[in-house]
Amino acid sequence: KLLGDGSFDEATYWTTNVASPSAPIVLRDVTGGNDTYAYAGSSDGKLYEIDATTGTVVRSWVVESGTTIGTPTFDYNNGTNQGIVVGTTGGTYHWVKIN
């Protein structure tokens, strides 16, 4: 559970299944909301956006079918067109808009 100060309640947890997930990054909602999301790549070619409070998959993008998606990084881009950058086992980098 995410507390009002942005920290997580240590007494609660959740589990979400993602195929061979990468290390995640955790970001506050880039559209100005109070939600917090974890972003993780996977071996199914997708980037996942997971609600960090509930563990619910909010969105997923097929980034590159047939490849494993690496650990994501955040591109602030001066606050416009913010996105996630990931590399793949196919040898390419991709940028995914998240706002």
PDB file of N, CA and C in Angstrom:
ATOM      1  N   LYS A   1       0.846  -1.180   0.000  1.00  0.00           N
ATOM      2  CA  LYS A   1       0.000   0.000   0.000  1.00  0.00           C
ATOM      3  C   LYS A   1       0.883   1.231   0.000  1.00  0.00           C
ATOM      4  N   LEU A   2       0.582   2.176  -0.872  1.00  0.00           N
ATOM      5  CA  LEU A   2       1.334   3.416  -0.933  1.00  0.00           C
ATOM      6  C   LEU A   2       0.737   4.383   0.075  1.00  0.00           C
ATOM      7  N   LEU A   3       1.557   4.921   0.950  1.00  0.00           N
ATOM      8  CA  LEU A   3       1.108   5.880   1.952  1.00  0.00           C
ATOM      9  C   LEU A   3       1.147   7.285   1.378  1.00  0.00           C
ATOM     10  N   GLY A   4       0.496   8.232   2.044  1.00  0.00           N
ATOM     11  CA  GLY A   4       0.396   9.596   1.552  1.00  0.00           C
ATOM     12  C   GLY A   4       1.732  10.280   1.339  1.00  0.00           C
ATOM     13  N   ASP A   5       2.774   9.849   2.051  1.00  0.00           N
ATOM     14  CA  ASP A   5       4.079  10.490   1.896  1.00  0.00           C
ATOM     15  C   ASP A   5       4.911   9.859   0.788  1.00  0.00           C
ATOM     16  N   GLY A   6       4.331   8.949   0.024  1.00  0.00           N
ATOM     17  CA  GLY A   6       5.028   8.322  -1.094  1.00  0.00           C
ATOM     18  C   GLY A   6       5.793   7.075  -0.718  1.00  0.00           C
ATOM     19  N   SER A   7       5.746   6.667   0.568  1.00  0.00           N
ATOM     20  CA  SER A   7       6.424   5.436   0.974  1.00  0.00           C
ATOM     21  C   SER A   7       5.447   4.271   0.973  1.00  0.00           C
ATOM     22  N   PHE A   8       5.970   3.054   0.999  1.00  0.00           N
ATOM     23  CA  PHE A   8       5.133   1.873   0.981  1.00  0.00           C
ATOM     24  C   PHE A   8       4.946   1.326   2.375  1.00  0.00           C
ATOM     25  N   ASP A   9       3.724   0.867   2.682  1.00  0.00           N
ATOM     26  CA  ASP A   9       3.412   0.223   3.950  1.00  0.00           C
ATOM     27  C   ASP A   9       4.119  -1.124   3.973  1.00  0.00           C
ATOM     28  N   GLU A  10       5.002  -1.360   4.941  1.00  0.00           N
ATOM     29  CA  GLU A  10       5.793  -2.582   4.983  1.00  0.00           C
ATOM     30  C   GLU A  10       4.977  -3.818   5.333  1.00  0.00           C
ATOM     31  N   ALA A  11       3.763  -3.645   5.833  1.00  0.00           N
ATOM     32  CA  ALA A  11       2.961  -4.785   6.268  1.00  0.00           C
ATOM     33  C   ALA A  11       2.140  -5.397   5.136  1.00  0.00           C
ATOM     34  N   THR A  12       2.142  -4.790   3.955  1.00  0.00           N
ATOM     35  CA  THR A  12       1.341  -5.305   2.846  1.00  0.00           C
ATOM     36  C   THR A  12       2.232  -5.591   1.649  1.00  0.00           C
ATOM     37  N   TYR A  13       1.764  -6.459   0.777  1.00  0.00           N
ATOM     38  CA  TYR A  13       2.491  -6.758  -0.441  1.00  0.00           C
ATOM     39  C   TYR A  13       1.519  -7.285  -1.472  1.00  0.00           C
ATOM     40  N   TRP A  14       1.984  -7.411  -2.698  1.00  0.00           N
ATOM     41  CA  TRP A  14       1.190  -7.976  -3.779  1.00  0.00           C
ATOM     42  C   TRP A  14       2.108  -8.779  -4.678  1.00  0.00           C
ATOM     43  N   THR A  15       1.512  -9.608  -5.494  1.00  0.00           N
ATOM     44  CA  THR A  15       2.255 -10.422  -6.443  1.00  0.00           C
ATOM     45  C   THR A  15       1.597 -10.291  -7.807  1.00  0.00           C
ATOM     46  N   THR A  16       2.406 -10.093  -8.831  1.00  0.00           N
ATOM     47  CA  THR A  16       1.928 -10.030 -10.211  1.00  0.00           C
ATOM     48  C   THR A  16       2.821 -10.916 -11.058  1.00  0.00           C
ATOM     49  N   ASN A  17       2.222 -11.702 -11.923  1.00  0.00           N
ATOM     50  CA  ASN A  17       3.002 -12.584 -12.788  1.00  0.00           C
ATOM     51  C   ASN A  17       3.352 -11.894 -14.099  1.00  0.00           C
ATOM     52  N   VAL A  18       4.656 -11.806 -14.368  1.00  0.00           N
ATOM     53  CA  VAL A  18       5.197 -11.286 -15.616  1.00  0.00           C
ATOM     54  C   VAL A  18       6.272 -12.276 -16.047  1.00  0.00           C
ATOM     55  N   ALA A  19       6.278 -12.653 -17.312  1.00  0.00           N
ATOM     56  CA  ALA A  19       7.239 -13.638 -17.815  1.00  0.00           C
ATOM     57  C   ALA A  19       8.667 -13.121 -17.698  1.00  0.00           C
ATOM     58  N   SER A  20       9.476 -13.758 -16.881  1.00  0.00           N
ATOM     59  CA  SER A  20      10.898 -13.393 -16.695  1.00  0.00           C
ATOM     60  C   SER A  20      11.098 -11.882 -16.649  1.00  0.00           C
ATOM     61  N   PRO A  21      10.576 -11.216 -15.608  1.00  0.00           N
ATOM     62  CA  PRO A  21      10.629  -9.754 -15.579  1.00  0.00           C
ATOM     63  C   PRO A  21      12.043  -9.208 -15.403  1.00  0.00           C
ATOM     64  N   SER A  22      12.251  -8.032 -15.963  1.00  0.00           N
ATOM     65  CA  SER A  22      13.492  -7.288 -15.743  1.00  0.00           C
ATOM     66  C   SER A  22      13.406  -6.633 -14.370  1.00  0.00           C
ATOM     67  N   ALA A  23      14.489  -5.987 -13.975  1.00  0.00           N
ATOM     68  CA  ALA A  23      14.429  -5.131 -12.790  1.00  0.00           C
ATOM     69  C   ALA A  23      13.469  -3.985 -13.115  1.00  0.00           C
ATOM     70  N   PRO A  24      12.613  -3.601 -12.186  1.00  0.00           N
ATOM     71  CA  PRO A  24      11.650  -2.534 -12.467  1.00  0.00           C
ATOM     72  C   PRO A  24      12.199  -1.150 -12.142  1.00  0.00           C
ATOM     73  N   ILE A  25      11.545  -0.143 -12.687  1.00  0.00           N
ATOM     74  CA  ILE A  25      11.706   1.214 -12.181  1.00  0.00           C
ATOM     75  C   ILE A  25      10.344   1.619 -11.649  1.00  0.00           C
ATOM     76  N   VAL A  26      10.322   2.500 -10.677  1.00  0.00           N
ATOM     77  CA  VAL A  26       9.074   2.958 -10.077  1.00  0.00           C
ATOM     78  C   VAL A  26       9.002   4.472 -10.237  1.00  0.00           C
ATOM     79  N   LEU A  27       7.856   4.944 -10.773  1.00  0.00           N
ATOM     80  CA  LEU A  27       7.664   6.367 -11.045  1.00  0.00           C
ATOM     81  C   LEU A  27       6.312   6.832 -10.538  1.00  0.00           C
ATOM     82  N   ARG A  28       6.269   8.055 -10.064  1.00  0.00           N
ATOM     83  CA  ARG A  28       5.002   8.711  -9.773  1.00  0.00           C
ATOM     84  C   ARG A  28       4.337   8.990 -11.115  1.00  0.00           C
ATOM     85  N   ASP A  29       3.015   8.994 -11.160  1.00  0.00           N
ATOM     86  CA  ASP A  29       2.257   9.238 -12.388  1.00  0.00           C
ATOM     87  C   ASP A  29       2.769  10.491 -13.096  1.00  0.00           C
ATOM     88  N   VAL A  30       3.247  10.348 -14.336  1.00  0.00           N
ATOM     89  CA  VAL A  30       3.832  11.473 -15.061  1.00  0.00           C
ATOM     90  C   VAL A  30       2.783  12.467 -15.555  1.00  0.00           C
ATOM     91  N   THR A  31       1.499  12.119 -15.465  1.00  0.00           N
ATOM     92  CA  THR A  31       0.454  13.044 -15.898  1.00  0.00           C
ATOM     93  C   THR A  31      -0.011  13.948 -14.766  1.00  0.00           C
ATOM     94  N   GLY A  32       0.668  13.874 -13.608  1.00  0.00           N
ATOM     95  CA  GLY A  32       0.337  14.759 -12.499  1.00  0.00           C
ATOM     96  C   GLY A  32      -0.562  14.135 -11.457  1.00  0.00           C
ATOM     97  N   GLY A  33      -0.982  12.893 -11.638  1.00  0.00           N
ATOM     98  CA  GLY A  33      -1.821  12.222 -10.651  1.00  0.00           C
ATOM     99  C   GLY A  33      -0.999  11.729  -9.475  1.00  0.00           C
ATOM    100  N   ASN A  34      -1.678  11.131  -8.509  1.00  0.00           N
ATOM    101  CA  ASN A  34      -1.014  10.631  -7.313  1.00  0.00           C
ATOM    102  C   ASN A  34      -0.648   9.161  -7.390  1.00  0.00           C
ATOM    103  N   ASP A  35      -0.963   8.499  -8.495  1.00  0.00           N
ATOM    104  CA  ASP A  35      -0.667   7.077  -8.621  1.00  0.00           C
ATOM    105  C   ASP A  35       0.834   6.863  -8.813  1.00  0.00           C
ATOM    106  N   THR A  36       1.291   5.689  -8.442  1.00  0.00           N
ATOM    107  CA  THR A  36       2.683   5.309  -8.637  1.00  0.00           C
ATOM    108  C   THR A  36       2.699   4.011  -9.428  1.00  0.00           C
ATOM    109  N   TYR A  37       3.584   3.913 -10.415  1.00  0.00           N
ATOM    110  CA  TYR A  37       3.634   2.757 -11.291  1.00  0.00           C
ATOM    111  C   TYR A  37       5.029   2.141 -11.314  1.00  0.00           C
ATOM    112  N   ALA A  38       5.069   0.831 -11.434  1.00  0.00           N
ATOM    113  CA  ALA A  38       6.312   0.111 -11.673  1.00  0.00           C
ATOM    114  C   ALA A  38       6.314  -0.276 -13.151  1.00  0.00           C
ATOM    115  N   TYR A  39       7.462  -0.146 -13.797  1.00  0.00           N
ATOM    116  CA  TYR A  39       7.615  -0.513 -15.198  1.00  0.00           C
ATOM    117  C   TYR A  39       8.647  -1.622 -15.276  1.00  0.00           C
ATOM    118  N   ALA A  40       8.307  -2.706 -15.987  1.00  0.00           N
ATOM    119  CA  ALA A  40       9.225  -3.838 -16.112  1.00  0.00           C
ATOM    120  C   ALA A  40       9.138  -4.415 -17.514  1.00  0.00           C
ATOM    121  N   GLY A  41      10.291  -4.800 -18.050  1.00  0.00           N
ATOM    122  CA  GLY A  41      10.338  -5.531 -19.309  1.00  0.00           C
ATOM    123  C   GLY A  41      10.104  -7.005 -19.021  1.00  0.00           C
ATOM    124  N   SER A  42       9.943  -7.796 -20.078  1.00  0.00           N
ATOM    125  CA  SER A  42       9.654  -9.214 -19.899  1.00  0.00           C
ATOM    126  C   SER A  42      10.184 -10.028 -21.072  1.00  0.00           C
ATOM    127  N   SER A  43      10.137 -11.351 -20.902  1.00  0.00           N
ATOM    128  CA  SER A  43      10.610 -12.232 -21.972  1.00  0.00           C
ATOM    129  C   SER A  43       9.541 -12.475 -23.036  1.00  0.00           C
ATOM    130  N   ASP A  44       8.350 -11.882 -22.867  1.00  0.00           N
ATOM    131  CA  ASP A  44       7.299 -12.046 -23.877  1.00  0.00           C
ATOM    132  C   ASP A  44       7.227 -10.863 -24.844  1.00  0.00           C
ATOM    133  N   GLY A  45       8.286 -10.036 -24.872  1.00  0.00           N
ATOM    134  CA  GLY A  45       8.336  -8.918 -25.807  1.00  0.00           C
ATOM    135  C   GLY A  45       7.568  -7.690 -25.373  1.00  0.00           C
ATOM    136  N   LYS A  46       7.072  -7.664 -24.119  1.00  0.00           N
ATOM    137  CA  LYS A  46       6.239  -6.561 -23.653  1.00  0.00           C
ATOM    138  C   LYS A  46       6.917  -5.747 -22.561  1.00  0.00           C
ATOM    139  N   LEU A  47       6.521  -4.474 -22.489  1.00  0.00           N
ATOM    140  CA  LEU A  47       6.813  -3.591 -21.377  1.00  0.00           C
ATOM    141  C   LEU A  47       5.528  -3.492 -20.569  1.00  0.00           C
ATOM    142  N   TYR A  48       5.634  -3.691 -19.258  1.00  0.00           N
ATOM    143  CA  TYR A  48       4.459  -3.664 -18.386  1.00  0.00           C
ATOM    144  C   TYR A  48       4.458  -2.426 -17.502  1.00  0.00           C
ATOM    145  N   GLU A  49       3.267  -1.819 -17.344  1.00  0.00           N
ATOM    146  CA  GLU A  49       3.026  -0.751 -16.383  1.00  0.00           C
ATOM    147  C   GLU A  49       2.132  -1.349 -15.303  1.00  0.00           C
ATOM    148  N   ILE A  50       2.632  -1.388 -14.079  1.00  0.00           N
ATOM    149  CA  ILE A  50       1.943  -2.050 -12.976  1.00  0.00           C
ATOM    150  C   ILE A  50       1.648  -1.027 -11.886  1.00  0.00           C
ATOM    151  N   ASP A  51       0.393  -1.006 -11.425  1.00  0.00           N
ATOM    152  CA  ASP A  51       0.031  -0.132 -10.311  1.00  0.00           C
ATOM    153  C   ASP A  51       0.824  -0.570  -9.086  1.00  0.00           C
ATOM    154  N   ALA A  52       1.672   0.305  -8.569  1.00  0.00           N
ATOM    155  CA  ALA A  52       2.562  -0.068  -7.471  1.00  0.00           C
ATOM    156  C   ALA A  52       1.832  -0.226  -6.141  1.00  0.00           C
ATOM    157  N   THR A  53       0.585   0.202  -6.048  1.00  0.00           N
ATOM    158  CA  THR A  53      -0.184   0.031  -4.825  1.00  0.00           C
ATOM    159  C   THR A  53      -0.902  -1.310  -4.798  1.00  0.00           C
ATOM    160  N   THR A  54      -1.433  -1.734  -5.955  1.00  0.00           N
ATOM    161  CA  THR A  54      -2.275  -2.933  -5.993  1.00  0.00           C
ATOM    162  C   THR A  54      -1.651  -4.116  -6.720  1.00  0.00           C
ATOM    163  N   GLY A  55      -0.650  -3.860  -7.561  1.00  0.00           N
ATOM    164  CA  GLY A  55      -0.057  -4.922  -8.368  1.00  0.00           C
ATOM    165  C   GLY A  55      -0.822  -5.215  -9.641  1.00  0.00           C
ATOM    166  N   THR A  56      -1.830  -4.440  -9.940  1.00  0.00           N
ATOM    167  CA  THR A  56      -2.631  -4.628 -11.150  1.00  0.00           C
ATOM    168  C   THR A  56      -1.882  -4.125 -12.377  1.00  0.00           C
ATOM    169  N   VAL A  57      -1.867  -4.919 -13.437  1.00  0.00           N
ATOM    170  CA  VAL A  57      -1.282  -4.456 -14.692  1.00  0.00           C
ATOM    171  C   VAL A  57      -2.222  -3.410 -15.279  1.00  0.00           C
ATOM    172  N   VAL A  58      -1.730  -2.196 -15.429  1.00  0.00           N
ATOM    173  CA  VAL A  58      -2.534  -1.088 -15.947  1.00  0.00           C
ATOM    174  C   VAL A  58      -2.505  -1.098 -17.467  1.00  0.00           C
ATOM    175  N   ARG A  59      -1.288  -1.187 -18.031  1.00  0.00           N
ATOM    176  CA  ARG A  59      -1.108  -1.238 -19.481  1.00  0.00           C
ATOM    177  C   ARG A  59       0.091  -2.122 -19.786  1.00  0.00           C
ATOM    178  N   SER A  60       0.118  -2.609 -21.007  1.00  0.00           N
ATOM    179  CA  SER A  60       1.314  -3.283 -21.501  1.00  0.00           C
ATOM    180  C   SER A  60       1.429  -2.988 -22.987  1.00  0.00           C
ATOM    181  N   TRP A  61       2.658  -2.932 -23.437  1.00  0.00           N
ATOM    182  CA  TRP A  61       2.934  -2.633 -24.839  1.00  0.00           C
ATOM    183  C   TRP A  61       3.774  -3.753 -25.417  1.00  0.00           C
ATOM    184  N   VAL A  62       3.412  -4.252 -26.605  1.00  0.00           N
ATOM    185  CA  VAL A  62       4.300  -5.180 -27.315  1.00  0.00           C
ATOM    186  C   VAL A  62       5.381  -4.300 -27.922  1.00  0.00           C
ATOM    187  N   VAL A  63       6.572  -4.409 -27.366  1.00  0.00           N
ATOM    188  CA  VAL A  63       7.680  -3.562 -27.810  1.00  0.00           C
ATOM    189  C   VAL A  63       8.392  -4.197 -28.996  1.00  0.00           C
ATOM    190  N   GLU A  64       8.717  -5.475 -28.863  1.00  0.00           N
ATOM    191  CA  GLU A  64       9.364  -6.201 -29.960  1.00  0.00           C
ATOM    192  C   GLU A  64       9.053  -7.680 -29.789  1.00  0.00           C
ATOM    193  N   SER A  65       8.153  -8.174 -30.581  1.00  0.00           N
ATOM    194  CA  SER A  65       7.719  -9.562 -30.491  1.00  0.00           C
ATOM    195  C   SER A  65       8.895 -10.524 -30.674  1.00  0.00           C
ATOM    196  N   GLY A  66       8.920 -11.582 -29.863  1.00  0.00           N
ATOM    197  CA  GLY A  66       9.941 -12.608 -29.996  1.00  0.00           C
ATOM    198  C   GLY A  66      11.260 -12.279 -29.319  1.00  0.00           C
ATOM    199  N   THR A  67      11.308 -11.180 -28.554  1.00  0.00           N
ATOM    200  CA  THR A  67      12.543 -10.806 -27.859  1.00  0.00           C
ATOM    201  C   THR A  67      12.272 -10.637 -26.369  1.00  0.00           C
ATOM    202  N   THR A  68      13.337 -10.507 -25.603  1.00  0.00           N
ATOM    203  CA  THR A  68      13.232 -10.176 -24.186  1.00  0.00           C
ATOM    204  C   THR A  68      13.494  -8.690 -24.040  1.00  0.00           C
ATOM    205  N   ILE A  69      12.646  -8.030 -23.262  1.00  0.00           N
ATOM    206  CA  ILE A  69      12.751  -6.596 -23.037  1.00  0.00           C
ATOM    207  C   ILE A  69      13.580  -6.358 -21.778  1.00  0.00           C
ATOM    208  N   GLY A  70      14.576  -5.513 -21.879  1.00  0.00           N
ATOM    209  CA  GLY A  70      15.486  -5.265 -20.769  1.00  0.00           C
ATOM    210  C   GLY A  70      14.937  -4.306 -19.729  1.00  0.00           C
ATOM    211  N   THR A  71      15.798  -3.961 -18.791  1.00  0.00           N
ATOM    212  CA  THR A  71      15.438  -3.051 -17.708  1.00  0.00           C
ATOM    213  C   THR A  71      15.123  -1.664 -18.261  1.00  0.00           C
ATOM    214  N   PRO A  72      13.966  -1.105 -17.902  1.00  0.00           N
ATOM    215  CA  PRO A  72      13.573   0.193 -18.438  1.00  0.00           C
ATOM    216  C   PRO A  72      14.293   1.360 -17.768  1.00  0.00           C
ATOM    217  N   THR A  73      14.393   2.451 -18.507  1.00  0.00           N
ATOM    218  CA  THR A  73      14.855   3.725 -17.972  1.00  0.00           C
ATOM    219  C   THR A  73      13.816   4.779 -18.322  1.00  0.00           C
ATOM    220  N   PHE A  74      13.825   5.885 -17.589  1.00  0.00           N
ATOM    221  CA  PHE A  74      12.831   6.934 -17.773  1.00  0.00           C
ATOM    222  C   PHE A  74      13.421   8.096 -18.556  1.00  0.00           C
ATOM    223  N   ASP A  75      12.663   8.597 -19.529  1.00  0.00           N
ATOM    224  CA  ASP A  75      13.048   9.774 -20.302  1.00  0.00           C
ATOM    225  C   ASP A  75      12.092  10.907 -19.943  1.00  0.00           C
ATOM    226  N   TYR A  76      12.556  11.853 -19.123  1.00  0.00           N
ATOM    227  CA  TYR A  76      11.725  12.989 -18.687  1.00  0.00           C
ATOM    228  C   TYR A  76      11.391  13.915 -19.839  1.00  0.00           C
ATOM    229  N   ASN A  77      12.342  14.159 -20.727  1.00  0.00           N
ATOM    230  CA  ASN A  77      12.113  14.939 -21.952  1.00  0.00           C
ATOM    231  C   ASN A  77      11.488  16.311 -21.667  1.00  0.00           C
ATOM    232  N   ASN A  78      12.003  17.022 -20.671  1.00  0.00           N
ATOM    233  CA  ASN A  78      11.504  18.352 -20.295  1.00  0.00           C
ATOM    234  C   ASN A  78      10.015  18.365 -19.974  1.00  0.00           C
ATOM    235  N   GLY A  79       9.491  17.227 -19.536  1.00  0.00           N
ATOM    236  CA  GLY A  79       8.093  17.153 -19.118  1.00  0.00           C
ATOM    237  C   GLY A  79       7.097  16.959 -20.240  1.00  0.00           C
ATOM    238  N   THR A  80       7.563  16.885 -21.489  1.00  0.00           N
ATOM    239  CA  THR A  80       6.657  16.645 -22.602  1.00  0.00           C
ATOM    240  C   THR A  80       7.019  15.315 -23.256  1.00  0.00           C
ATOM    241  N   ASN A  81       6.004  14.592 -23.674  1.00  0.00           N
ATOM    242  CA  ASN A  81       6.220  13.289 -24.308  1.00  0.00           C
ATOM    243  C   ASN A  81       7.173  12.413 -23.498  1.00  0.00           C
ATOM    244  N   GLN A  82       6.861  12.247 -22.212  1.00  0.00           N
ATOM    245  CA  GLN A  82       7.695  11.441 -21.344  1.00  0.00           C
ATOM    246  C   GLN A  82       7.562   9.972 -21.712  1.00  0.00           C
ATOM    247  N   GLY A  83       8.646   9.233 -21.567  1.00  0.00           N
ATOM    248  CA  GLY A  83       8.595   7.849 -22.003  1.00  0.00           C
ATOM    249  C   GLY A  83       9.556   6.948 -21.266  1.00  0.00           C
ATOM    250  N   ILE A  84       9.484   5.697 -21.645  1.00  0.00           N
ATOM    251  CA  ILE A  84      10.357   4.654 -21.129  1.00  0.00           C
ATOM    252  C   ILE A  84      11.237   4.191 -22.286  1.00  0.00           C
ATOM    253  N   VAL A  85      12.533   4.042 -22.024  1.00  0.00           N
ATOM    254  CA  VAL A  85      13.466   3.532 -23.020  1.00  0.00           C
ATOM    255  C   VAL A  85      13.899   2.141 -22.580  1.00  0.00           C
ATOM    256  N   VAL A  86      13.823   1.186 -23.502  1.00  0.00           N
ATOM    257  CA  VAL A  86      14.240  -0.189 -23.207  1.00  0.00           C
ATOM    258  C   VAL A  86      15.063  -0.732 -24.368  1.00  0.00           C
ATOM    259  N   GLY A  87      15.983  -1.607 -24.026  1.00  0.00           N
ATOM    260  CA  GLY A  87      16.722  -2.351 -25.031  1.00  0.00           C
ATOM    261  C   GLY A  87      16.157  -3.761 -25.097  1.00  0.00           C
ATOM    262  N   THR A  88      16.444  -4.470 -26.194  1.00  0.00           N
ATOM    263  CA  THR A  88      15.921  -5.819 -26.365  1.00  0.00           C
ATOM    264  C   THR A  88      17.046  -6.778 -26.740  1.00  0.00           C
ATOM    265  N   THR A  89      16.763  -8.065 -26.580  1.00  0.00           N
ATOM    266  CA  THR A  89      17.737  -9.071 -27.011  1.00  0.00           C
ATOM    267  C   THR A  89      17.851  -9.116 -28.524  1.00  0.00           C
ATOM    268  N   GLY A  90      16.960  -8.434 -29.222  1.00  0.00           N
ATOM    269  CA  GLY A  90      17.050  -8.317 -30.676  1.00  0.00           C
ATOM    270  C   GLY A  90      18.084  -7.285 -31.107  1.00  0.00           C
ATOM    271  N   GLY A  91      18.663  -6.559 -30.138  1.00  0.00           N
ATOM    272  CA  GLY A  91      19.712  -5.602 -30.439  1.00  0.00           C
ATOM    273  C   GLY A  91      19.232  -4.202 -30.751  1.00  0.00           C
ATOM    274  N   THR A  92      17.987  -3.890 -30.409  1.00  0.00           N
ATOM    275  CA  THR A  92      17.470  -2.553 -30.686  1.00  0.00           C
ATOM    276  C   THR A  92      17.011  -1.880 -29.393  1.00  0.00           C
ATOM    277  N   TYR A  93      16.915  -0.553 -29.455  1.00  0.00           N
ATOM    278  CA  TYR A  93      16.341   0.240 -28.372  1.00  0.00           C
ATOM    279  C   TYR A  93      14.994   0.765 -28.829  1.00  0.00           C
ATOM    280  N   HIS A  94      14.077   0.913 -27.870  1.00  0.00           N
ATOM    281  CA  HIS A  94      12.748   1.429 -28.170  1.00  0.00           C
ATOM    282  C   HIS A  94      12.380   2.475 -27.132  1.00  0.00           C
ATOM    283  N   TRP A  95      11.605   3.455 -27.560  1.00  0.00           N
ATOM    284  CA  TRP A  95      11.068   4.487 -26.688  1.00  0.00           C
ATOM    285  C   TRP A  95       9.553   4.323 -26.697  1.00  0.00           C
ATOM    286  N   VAL A  96       8.943   4.262 -25.493  1.00  0.00           N
ATOM    287  CA  VAL A  96       7.485   4.081 -25.349  1.00  0.00           C
ATOM    288  C   VAL A  96       6.918   5.277 -24.595  1.00  0.00           C
ATOM    289  N   LYS A  97       5.985   6.005 -25.217  1.00  0.00           N
ATOM    290  CA  LYS A  97       5.359   7.159 -24.571  1.00  0.00           C
ATOM    291  C   LYS A  97       4.451   6.686 -23.454  1.00  0.00           C
ATOM    292  N   ILE A  98       4.586   7.317 -22.273  1.00  0.00           N
ATOM    293  CA  ILE A  98       3.746   6.905 -21.135  1.00  0.00           C
ATOM    294  C   ILE A  98       2.823   8.003 -20.642  1.00  0.00           C
ATOM    295  N   ASN A  99       2.880   9.228 -21.196  1.00  0.00           N
ATOM    296  CA  ASN A  99       1.969  10.273 -20.730  1.00  0.00           C
ATOM    297  C   ASN A  99       0.885  10.534 -21.743  1.00  0.00           C
TER     298      ASN A  99
END
